[in-house]
Each structure stands twice: as structure tokens, then as C-alpha cells.
Amino acid sequence: MDHRAHGSDREGEVLGDSGPAVKRVAPGRSVCEPRKKLGWLHDFRPHLAEWGELFEIITTAEDWVRQHGLYLNVHRNLETQLRGRAQTPRTRRVRRELVTLVMTEETQARPGERLLGRSEIIESVWESIRAVQF
């Protein structure tokens, strides 16, 4: 698992989850110490999970467009790639916006033609998400 994208194993000990992570607290330290100091982070878990979903959806769409290019009805293949990845209203909205953007761009391709995918399309969605504050 890539701990940079999904949090570290220490997340469990800091936030006080039960399980093996609690046993890794440094000798002589109480599990309660990190909870007292960093317990407020627990309130951000839903936001971090949602941000992770957004990141996954956008990077998947960006990679798909770069690898496969734009062609008529490519948005249907993209929808298949993104199916099941959006669990919140915000992530579902972003998924719809990405598919709509690709659908709009694919109209530039003629039947049987495949155009190079441009990441600028997807990057515009990143900019709109960055403007949103939790």
C-alpha cells in the first residue's frame, strides 16, 4: 500500500482505532497521549476519504484520456472505468462533470478517428475542485 495516498499505519494509533496499530505505540507512552493531542484529526476523516475519492476519480479519468485518446462514444468507456468509485454527492457530481467534459470533447473526432487525449480538459476540473473548501 502506498502510505502517501492512503495514510500511514500510524493513523490507527494516533486516532485511537482498535486493532494491531494500537500495540505499536512507543514503549512508555500511553495510547491516550496521541488521542489527546491529535484526536481532533478524527473529525476530518470523512473529508479526507472524500478527497481521496476525488483524487482517484480525476486521476483515473486523466490517465484514461491520455492512454486511449478521444473518439466517438469514449465517454461510455470512461463511465465504465469510473463506475463504483463515487460514494458521496460531491464525488458523483465530479464524475458526471468529467464524463460530460469528455463527451463534449469527443465530438471533435470523426467516425473512426482517434484524437490525442489532452490532460488540460481534466485539469480544469482539478482547478474547480481546488477552489472548493471543506
C-alpha atoms as a PDB file:
ATOM      1  CA  MET A   1       0.000   0.000   0.000  1.00  0.00           C
ATOM      2  CA  ASP A   2       1.242   3.468  -0.822  1.00  0.00           C
ATOM      3  CA  HIS A   3       1.033   5.247   2.535  1.00  0.00           C
ATOM      4  CA  ARG A   4       1.305   8.691   0.965  1.00  0.00           C
ATOM      5  CA  ALA A   5      -2.033   8.307  -0.798  1.00  0.00           C
ATOM      6  CA  HIS A   6      -3.926   6.368   1.846  1.00  0.00           C
ATOM      7  CA  GLY A   7      -2.486   7.444   5.175  1.00  0.00           C
ATOM      8  CA  SER A   8       0.049   5.583   7.211  1.00  0.00           C
ATOM      9  CA  ASP A   9      -0.276   2.620   9.517  1.00  0.00           C
ATOM     10  CA  ARG A  10       0.287   5.068  12.377  1.00  0.00           C
ATOM     11  CA  GLU A  11      -3.086   6.669  11.613  1.00  0.00           C
ATOM     12  CA  GLY A  12      -4.769   3.946  13.655  1.00  0.00           C
ATOM     13  CA  GLU A  13      -2.625   4.564  16.694  1.00  0.00           C
ATOM     14  CA  VAL A  14      -2.976   8.331  16.550  1.00  0.00           C
ATOM     15  CA  LEU A  15      -6.716   8.286  16.074  1.00  0.00           C
ATOM     16  CA  GLY A  16      -7.264   5.526  18.586  1.00  0.00           C
ATOM     17  CA  ASP A  17      -8.618   2.746  16.401  1.00  0.00           C
ATOM     18  CA  SER A  18      -8.628  -0.666  17.918  1.00  0.00           C
ATOM     19  CA  GLY A  19      -6.510  -3.363  16.364  1.00  0.00           C
ATOM     20  CA  PRO A  20      -2.835  -4.104  15.842  1.00  0.00           C
ATOM     21  CA  ALA A  21      -1.875  -0.462  15.237  1.00  0.00           C
ATOM     22  CA  VAL A  22      -2.586   0.403  18.891  1.00  0.00           C
ATOM     23  CA  LYS A  23       0.056  -2.098  20.001  1.00  0.00           C
ATOM     24  CA  ARG A  24       2.769  -0.162  18.142  1.00  0.00           C
ATOM     25  CA  VAL A  25       2.688   2.841  20.472  1.00  0.00           C
ATOM     26  CA  ALA A  26       6.196   3.664  21.653  1.00  0.00           C
ATOM     27  CA  PRO A  27       7.243   1.961  24.906  1.00  0.00           C
ATOM     28  CA  GLY A  28       6.435   4.030  27.972  1.00  0.00           C
ATOM     29  CA  ARG A  29       3.788   6.076  26.139  1.00  0.00           C
ATOM     30  CA  SER A  30       0.090   5.870  26.640  1.00  0.00           C
ATOM     31  CA  VAL A  31      -2.342   5.359  23.767  1.00  0.00           C
ATOM     32  CA  CYS A  32      -4.288   8.270  25.273  1.00  0.00           C
ATOM     33  CA  GLU A  33      -1.463  10.779  24.715  1.00  0.00           C
ATOM     34  CA  PRO A  34      -1.741  10.900  20.917  1.00  0.00           C
ATOM     35  CA  ARG A  35      -5.537  10.875  21.152  1.00  0.00           C
ATOM     36  CA  LYS A  36      -5.491  13.923  23.419  1.00  0.00           C
ATOM     37  CA  LYS A  37      -3.108  15.830  21.183  1.00  0.00           C
ATOM     38  CA  LEU A  38      -4.345  14.742  17.758  1.00  0.00           C
ATOM     39  CA  GLY A  39      -7.858  13.490  18.389  1.00  0.00           C
ATOM     40  CA  TRP A  40      -9.303  16.459  16.523  1.00  0.00           C
ATOM     41  CA  LEU A  41      -7.990  14.861  13.315  1.00  0.00           C
ATOM     42  CA  HIS A  42     -10.689  12.231  13.661  1.00  0.00           C
ATOM     43  CA  ASP A  43     -13.278  14.831  12.622  1.00  0.00           C
ATOM     44  CA  PHE A  44     -11.511  15.225   9.253  1.00  0.00           C
ATOM     45  CA  ARG A  45     -11.680  11.553   8.285  1.00  0.00           C
ATOM     46  CA  PRO A  46     -14.810  11.910   6.103  1.00  0.00           C
ATOM     47  CA  HIS A  47     -13.264  14.871   4.287  1.00  0.00           C
ATOM     48  CA  LEU A  48     -10.006  13.028   3.725  1.00  0.00           C
ATOM     49  CA  ALA A  49     -11.882   9.991   2.416  1.00  0.00           C
ATOM     50  CA  GLU A  50     -13.864  12.180   0.040  1.00  0.00           C
ATOM     51  CA  TRP A  51     -10.711  13.935  -1.154  1.00  0.00           C
ATOM     52  CA  GLY A  52      -9.163  10.517  -1.775  1.00  0.00           C
ATOM     53  CA  GLU A  53     -12.166   9.540  -3.899  1.00  0.00           C
ATOM     54  CA  LEU A  54     -11.916  12.784  -5.855  1.00  0.00           C
ATOM     55  CA  PHE A  55      -8.233  12.185  -6.462  1.00  0.00           C
ATOM     56  CA  GLU A  56      -8.868   8.625  -7.635  1.00  0.00           C
ATOM     57  CA  ILE A  57     -11.711   9.636  -9.965  1.00  0.00           C
ATOM     58  CA  ILE A  58      -9.806  12.506 -11.542  1.00  0.00           C
ATOM     59  CA  THR A  59      -6.529  10.653 -11.978  1.00  0.00           C
ATOM     60  CA  THR A  60      -8.329   7.632 -13.425  1.00  0.00           C
ATOM     61  CA  ALA A  61     -10.131   9.857 -15.944  1.00  0.00           C
ATOM     62  CA  GLU A  62      -6.947  11.728 -16.792  1.00  0.00           C
ATOM     63  CA  ASP A  63      -4.976   8.513 -17.317  1.00  0.00           C
ATOM     64  CA  TRP A  64      -7.790   7.026 -19.414  1.00  0.00           C
ATOM     65  CA  VAL A  65      -7.951  10.056 -21.722  1.00  0.00           C
ATOM     66  CA  ARG A  66      -4.161  10.150 -22.094  1.00  0.00           C
ATOM     67  CA  GLN A  67      -3.869   6.427 -22.845  1.00  0.00           C
ATOM     68  CA  HIS A  68      -6.899   5.952 -25.084  1.00  0.00           C
ATOM     69  CA  GLY A  69      -7.407   9.355 -26.623  1.00  0.00           C
ATOM     70  CA  LEU A  70     -10.717  10.826 -27.708  1.00  0.00           C
ATOM     71  CA  TYR A  71     -13.039   9.053 -30.119  1.00  0.00           C
ATOM     72  CA  LEU A  72     -16.780   8.904 -30.611  1.00  0.00           C
ATOM     73  CA  ASN A  73     -18.501   7.417 -27.554  1.00  0.00           C
ATOM     74  CA  VAL A  74     -15.296   7.244 -25.490  1.00  0.00           C
ATOM     75  CA  HIS A  75     -17.343   8.704 -22.629  1.00  0.00           C
ATOM     76  CA  ARG A  76     -19.138   5.345 -22.293  1.00  0.00           C
ATOM     77  CA  ASN A  77     -15.841   3.551 -21.730  1.00  0.00           C
ATOM     78  CA  LEU A  78     -14.818   6.208 -19.241  1.00  0.00           C
ATOM     79  CA  GLU A  79     -18.111   5.766 -17.374  1.00  0.00           C
ATOM     80  CA  THR A  80     -17.318   2.064 -17.079  1.00  0.00           C
ATOM     81  CA  GLN A  81     -13.865   2.844 -15.685  1.00  0.00           C
ATOM     82  CA  LEU A  82     -15.323   5.232 -13.099  1.00  0.00           C
ATOM     83  CA  ARG A  83     -18.282   3.048 -12.091  1.00  0.00           C
ATOM     84  CA  GLY A  84     -18.450   2.446  -8.344  1.00  0.00           C
ATOM     85  CA  ARG A  85     -15.753   4.978  -7.471  1.00  0.00           C
ATOM     86  CA  ALA A  86     -18.002   7.816  -6.290  1.00  0.00           C
ATOM     87  CA  GLN A  87     -19.729   7.419  -2.928  1.00  0.00           C
ATOM     88  CA  THR A  88     -20.653  10.988  -1.970  1.00  0.00           C
ATOM     89  CA  PRO A  89     -22.795  13.601  -3.720  1.00  0.00           C
ATOM     90  CA  ARG A  90     -19.695  15.710  -4.465  1.00  0.00           C
ATOM     91  CA  THR A  91     -17.713  12.830  -5.968  1.00  0.00           C
ATOM     92  CA  ARG A  92     -20.721  11.718  -8.042  1.00  0.00           C
ATOM     93  CA  ARG A  93     -21.074  15.283  -9.343  1.00  0.00           C
ATOM     94  CA  VAL A  94     -17.389  15.442 -10.285  1.00  0.00           C
ATOM     95  CA  ARG A  95     -17.639  12.054 -12.006  1.00  0.00           C
ATOM     96  CA  ARG A  96     -20.627  13.332 -14.049  1.00  0.00           C
ATOM     97  CA  GLU A  97     -18.753  16.549 -14.919  1.00  0.00           C
ATOM     98  CA  LEU A  98     -15.729  14.589 -16.134  1.00  0.00           C
ATOM     99  CA  VAL A  99     -17.819  12.314 -18.309  1.00  0.00           C
ATOM    100  CA  THR A 100     -19.681  15.344 -19.700  1.00  0.00           C
ATOM    101  CA  LEU A 101     -16.385  17.104 -20.474  1.00  0.00           C
ATOM    102  CA  VAL A 102     -15.086  14.054 -22.315  1.00  0.00           C
ATOM    103  CA  MET A 103     -18.403  13.676 -24.158  1.00  0.00           C
ATOM    104  CA  THR A 104     -18.150  17.295 -25.305  1.00  0.00           C
ATOM    105  CA  GLU A 105     -14.527  16.917 -26.422  1.00  0.00           C
ATOM    106  CA  GLU A 106     -15.114  13.627 -28.240  1.00  0.00           C
ATOM    107  CA  THR A 107     -17.434  15.383 -30.714  1.00  0.00           C
ATOM    108  CA  GLN A 108     -14.299  16.782 -32.362  1.00  0.00           C
ATOM    109  CA  ALA A 109     -13.425  13.283 -33.580  1.00  0.00           C
ATOM    110  CA  ARG A 110     -14.843  11.997 -36.851  1.00  0.00           C
ATOM    111  CA  PRO A 111     -16.148   8.425 -37.162  1.00  0.00           C
ATOM    112  CA  GLY A 112     -13.193   6.033 -36.953  1.00  0.00           C
ATOM    113  CA  GLU A 113     -10.818   8.787 -35.835  1.00  0.00           C
ATOM    114  CA  ARG A 114      -8.939   8.819 -32.549  1.00  0.00           C
ATOM    115  CA  LEU A 115      -7.597  12.140 -31.268  1.00  0.00           C
ATOM    116  CA  LEU A 116      -4.813  12.572 -28.761  1.00  0.00           C
ATOM    117  CA  GLY A 117      -6.176  12.992 -25.254  1.00  0.00           C
ATOM    118  CA  ARG A 118      -5.344  16.297 -23.650  1.00  0.00           C
ATOM    119  CA  SER A 119      -4.990  16.462 -19.910  1.00  0.00           C
ATOM    120  CA  GLU A 120      -5.988  20.133 -19.934  1.00  0.00           C
ATOM    121  CA  ILE A 121      -9.595  19.000 -20.089  1.00  0.00           C
ATOM    122  CA  ILE A 122      -9.289  17.124 -16.819  1.00  0.00           C
ATOM    123  CA  GLU A 123      -7.024  19.729 -15.234  1.00  0.00           C
ATOM    124  CA  SER A 124      -9.836  22.252 -15.495  1.00  0.00           C
ATOM    125  CA  VAL A 125     -11.867  20.033 -13.177  1.00  0.00           C
ATOM    126  CA  TRP A 126      -8.950  19.934 -10.714  1.00  0.00           C
ATOM    127  CA  GLU A 127      -8.975  23.718 -10.630  1.00  0.00           C
ATOM    128  CA  SER A 128     -12.662  23.848  -9.808  1.00  0.00           C
ATOM    129  CA  ILE A 129     -12.214  21.286  -7.016  1.00  0.00           C
ATOM    130  CA  ARG A 130      -9.242  23.112  -5.533  1.00  0.00           C
ATOM    131  CA  ALA A 131     -11.443  26.183  -5.226  1.00  0.00           C
ATOM    132  CA  VAL A 132     -13.911  24.244  -3.047  1.00  0.00           C
ATOM    133  CA  GLN A 133     -13.174  24.376   0.663  1.00  0.00           C
ATOM    134  CA  PHE A 134     -14.346  21.696   3.064  1.00  0.00           C
END
